[in-house]
Structure formats: structure tokens, C-alpha cells
Amino acid sequence: MELLKDAEVWILLAFILAFGFLAWKASPRLIAMLDQRAGAIKADLESAERLRDDAQKVLAQFQRKQGEALKEADMILASARAEADRAVARAEQAAAAAFDRRRRSVNETFALDQAKAEAEVRCIAVEVAVAAVQRALVADLDTAWRNRLVDDAIMQLSRALQPPIPQRPAPDARLTA
């Protein structure tokens, strides 16, 4: 029993008794606090899980909308390219038509200028021929013969310079019946 005389043993016994009494009285409160803390942590975890699920849903929704927006942008781009191609085709057709009109106009102008030049050449040729005939007649022929040749030349020349009269087509037998 010498152990009972030692102060350290009594301190140990007092500590064990105090700790036991505290554990007996404080343990339900401590357990309730720990249970409450565990419940709060569990609720926070569940809330975090719900928030994560919501965030994933929102992310998927935004990704889907982004995909739809990209598809729409591709469609708009394709439409714009098609419209640009149509505009280029219309411009090419308009340019070709303008070129054809201009070419026809130039050809018509050229034909008119050519006809005009031919008429001028004919006039000059006639004047030269008349002058040559006149000189030849004055020098070589007597007056009566000269006058007859000049008259014949004038008649032939007037017939040659007159435009031909278009012939009318024969009436169709089917139309007269």
C-alpha cells in the first residue's frame, strides 16, 4: 500500500476519475456535436454534388448551344458563299451580254462604214470613168457619136446604182383557198 502514499498515484486516480466523469457527462453532448458536424459536412457534400451536377448540365447545355451556333454559322457561311457564286455568275452573264452587245454594235458600225466607203469609192470611180470617157470622146469621136455614148453610159450607170427592187414571194396556195 505504499502506492497509496504516493501523490503521483492520487493525481493519476483523480485524473482518471475526472476524465471518466467528463466522458460520462460530456460524451452525449460531444457525440451530438460530432453527429451534427458530420450531418453538416454530409449536407455540404450533397450540396456540392448537386452543384457539380447542375454545373455539368449547364456545361452540356452551353456545349450543345455552341454546337448549334457553329452549325448555324456554317449554314450562314454556305448560304453567303452560294449567294456570292450566284452574284459572280450573274455578273459574268451581264458582262458577256454587254460584250456581245458591244461586239454587235461595232460590227454594225463597221458594216455601215464599209457600205459608206464602198459608195464613196463607186462615186469616185464613176467620176473618174466619166472624166476619162469625156476626154477620150472629146479627143477621138465626133459630136453625135460622143453624145450617144455618154447617154448610154449614163443609163447603164443609173441602172447599176439603183438598188434592186425586192421581189414579192408568190402567194401561198393554201392562203388563197
Protein backbone atom coordinates (compact mmCIF):
# COMPACT_ATOMS: atom_id res chain seq x y z
CA MET A 1 0.00 0.00 0.00
CA GLU A 2 2.67 2.08 -0.36
CA LEU A 3 1.26 3.11 -3.60
CA LEU A 4 -1.49 4.95 -1.85
CA LYS A 5 1.02 7.16 -0.12
CA ASP A 6 2.45 8.41 -3.34
CA ALA A 7 0.99 11.71 -4.56
CA GLU A 8 1.51 10.84 -8.12
CA VAL A 9 -0.82 7.87 -7.84
CA TRP A 10 -3.53 10.07 -6.34
CA ILE A 11 -3.09 12.58 -9.12
CA LEU A 12 -3.42 9.76 -11.61
CA LEU A 13 -6.57 8.46 -9.91
CA ALA A 14 -8.06 11.95 -9.76
CA PHE A 15 -7.27 12.48 -13.42
CA ILE A 16 -8.88 9.13 -14.38
CA LEU A 17 -11.98 9.89 -12.28
CA ALA A 18 -12.28 13.41 -13.68
CA PHE A 19 -11.82 12.16 -17.19
CA GLY A 20 -14.35 9.36 -16.68
CA PHE A 21 -16.89 11.78 -15.17
CA LEU A 22 -16.38 14.21 -18.03
CA ALA A 23 -16.65 11.43 -20.60
CA TRP A 24 -19.87 10.16 -18.90
CA LYS A 25 -21.47 13.63 -18.72
CA ALA A 26 -19.97 15.26 -21.84
CA SER A 27 -19.99 12.29 -24.21
CA PRO A 28 -23.67 12.61 -25.25
CA ARG A 29 -23.14 16.30 -25.98
CA LEU A 30 -19.86 15.63 -27.73
CA ILE A 31 -21.39 12.82 -29.75
CA ALA A 32 -24.34 15.09 -30.62
CA MET A 33 -21.95 17.86 -31.69
CA LEU A 34 -19.89 15.42 -33.74
CA ASP A 35 -23.07 13.96 -35.26
CA GLN A 36 -24.29 17.48 -36.02
CA ARG A 37 -20.92 18.35 -37.55
CA ALA A 38 -20.96 15.12 -39.62
CA GLY A 39 -24.51 15.94 -40.79
CA ALA A 40 -23.42 19.45 -41.83
CA ILE A 41 -20.44 18.03 -43.66
CA LYS A 42 -22.67 15.44 -45.33
CA ALA A 43 -25.17 18.16 -46.32
CA ASP A 44 -22.33 20.29 -47.70
CA LEU A 45 -21.05 17.31 -49.69
CA GLU A 46 -24.54 16.62 -51.07
CA SER A 47 -24.96 20.29 -51.91
CA ALA A 48 -21.57 20.30 -53.62
CA GLU A 49 -22.58 17.15 -55.53
CA ARG A 50 -25.83 18.81 -56.67
CA LEU A 51 -23.96 21.95 -57.67
CA ARG A 52 -21.46 19.86 -59.61
CA ASP A 53 -24.31 18.02 -61.40
CA ASP A 54 -26.01 21.33 -62.16
CA ALA A 55 -22.74 22.76 -63.46
CA GLN A 56 -22.27 19.71 -65.70
CA LYS A 57 -25.82 20.11 -67.03
CA VAL A 58 -25.24 23.81 -67.71
CA LEU A 59 -21.90 22.98 -69.36
CA ALA A 60 -23.56 20.35 -71.56
CA GLN A 61 -26.32 22.82 -72.44
CA PHE A 62 -23.78 25.51 -73.38
CA GLN A 63 -21.78 22.99 -75.42
CA ARG A 64 -24.96 21.96 -77.25
CA LYS A 65 -25.83 25.63 -77.89
CA GLN A 66 -22.28 26.25 -79.08
CA GLY A 67 -22.57 23.31 -81.48
CA GLU A 68 -25.89 24.65 -82.76
CA ALA A 69 -24.37 28.11 -83.16
CA LEU A 70 -21.43 26.65 -85.09
CA LYS A 71 -23.82 24.71 -87.35
CA GLU A 72 -25.87 27.87 -87.92
CA ALA A 73 -22.70 29.83 -88.65
CA ASP A 74 -21.65 27.15 -91.16
CA MET A 75 -25.08 27.33 -92.79
CA ILE A 76 -24.89 31.13 -92.98
CA LEU A 77 -21.40 30.88 -94.45
CA ALA A 78 -22.52 28.30 -97.00
CA SER A 79 -25.51 30.49 -97.90
CA ALA A 80 -23.26 33.53 -98.27
CA ARG A 81 -20.87 31.55 -100.49
CA ALA A 82 -23.75 30.32 -102.64
CA GLU A 83 -25.11 33.87 -102.94
CA ALA A 84 -21.64 35.14 -103.86
CA ASP A 85 -21.34 32.41 -106.51
CA ARG A 86 -24.75 33.38 -107.90
CA ALA A 87 -23.72 37.05 -107.94
CA VAL A 88 -20.49 36.18 -109.77
CA ALA A 89 -22.46 34.12 -112.30
CA ARG A 90 -24.92 36.99 -112.83
CA ALA A 91 -22.03 39.44 -113.24
CA GLU A 92 -20.33 37.13 -115.74
CA GLN A 93 -23.57 36.78 -117.70
CA ALA A 94 -24.09 40.54 -117.65
CA ALA A 95 -20.51 41.12 -118.80
CA ALA A 96 -20.90 38.55 -121.59
CA ALA A 97 -24.18 40.16 -122.69
CA ALA A 98 -22.59 43.63 -122.63
CA PHE A 99 -19.65 42.29 -124.60
CA ASP A 100 -21.99 40.73 -127.18
CA ARG A 101 -23.97 43.98 -127.47
CA ARG A 102 -20.78 45.96 -127.89
CA ARG A 103 -19.45 43.47 -130.47
CA ARG A 104 -22.71 43.67 -132.46
CA SER A 105 -22.64 47.45 -132.26
CA VAL A 106 -19.04 47.53 -133.51
CA ASN A 107 -19.90 45.08 -136.31
CA GLU A 108 -22.90 47.20 -137.34
CA THR A 109 -20.80 50.36 -137.26
CA PHE A 110 -18.13 48.61 -139.30
CA ALA A 111 -20.71 47.41 -141.84
CA LEU A 112 -22.16 50.92 -142.14
CA ASP A 113 -18.70 52.44 -142.54
CA GLN A 114 -17.82 49.79 -145.13
CA ALA A 115 -21.01 50.46 -147.12
CA LYS A 116 -20.33 54.18 -146.93
CA ALA A 117 -16.76 53.71 -148.12
CA GLU A 118 -17.91 51.45 -150.97
CA ALA A 119 -20.45 54.09 -152.05
CA GLU A 120 -17.77 56.77 -151.97
CA VAL A 121 -15.43 54.55 -153.99
CA ARG A 122 -18.20 53.94 -156.53
CA CYS A 123 -18.85 57.67 -156.82
CA ILE A 124 -15.17 58.39 -157.32
CA ALA A 125 -14.88 55.54 -159.82
CA VAL A 126 -17.85 56.88 -161.72
CA GLU A 127 -16.41 60.38 -161.72
CA VAL A 128 -13.05 59.11 -162.93
CA ALA A 129 -14.69 56.93 -165.58
CA VAL A 130 -16.86 59.78 -166.76
CA ALA A 131 -13.86 62.12 -166.89
CA ALA A 132 -11.82 59.52 -168.81
CA VAL A 133 -14.65 58.83 -171.23
CA GLN A 134 -15.18 62.54 -171.66
CA ARG A 135 -11.54 63.13 -172.51
CA ALA A 136 -11.47 60.16 -174.82
CA LEU A 137 -14.64 61.24 -176.54
CA VAL A 138 -13.59 64.82 -176.89
CA ALA A 139 -10.34 63.81 -178.46
CA ASP A 140 -11.40 60.97 -180.79
CA LEU A 141 -15.09 60.97 -181.65
CA ASP A 142 -17.38 63.23 -183.48
CA THR A 143 -20.11 65.02 -181.59
CA ALA A 144 -23.10 62.77 -182.44
CA TRP A 145 -21.27 59.59 -181.59
CA ARG A 146 -19.96 61.12 -178.35
CA ASN A 147 -23.41 62.18 -177.23
CA ARG A 148 -24.84 58.74 -177.91
CA LEU A 149 -22.05 57.02 -175.90
CA VAL A 150 -22.46 59.43 -172.98
CA ASP A 151 -26.21 58.84 -172.92
CA ASP A 152 -25.74 55.07 -172.95
CA ALA A 153 -23.14 55.25 -170.16
CA ILE A 154 -25.43 57.41 -168.02
CA MET A 155 -28.31 54.97 -168.47
CA GLN A 156 -26.16 51.97 -167.57
CA LEU A 157 -24.70 53.80 -164.62
CA SER A 158 -28.09 54.82 -163.25
CA ARG A 159 -29.30 51.21 -163.59
CA ALA A 160 -26.21 49.90 -161.82
CA LEU A 161 -26.52 52.34 -158.93
CA GLN A 162 -30.22 51.78 -158.31
CA PRO A 163 -30.94 49.27 -155.55
CA PRO A 164 -32.68 46.14 -156.78
CA ILE A 165 -36.41 46.02 -156.19
CA PRO A 166 -37.23 43.18 -153.82
CA GLN A 167 -39.36 40.53 -155.39
CA ARG A 168 -42.53 39.62 -153.65
CA PRO A 169 -42.94 35.97 -152.82
CA ALA A 170 -45.62 34.11 -154.72
CA PRO A 171 -48.82 33.83 -152.75
CA ASP A 172 -49.18 30.58 -150.91
CA ALA A 173 -51.86 28.35 -152.45
CA ARG A 174 -53.06 27.39 -149.02
CA LEU A 175 -53.74 31.00 -148.07
CA THR A 176 -55.79 31.83 -151.18
CA ALA A 177 -58.06 28.83 -150.97
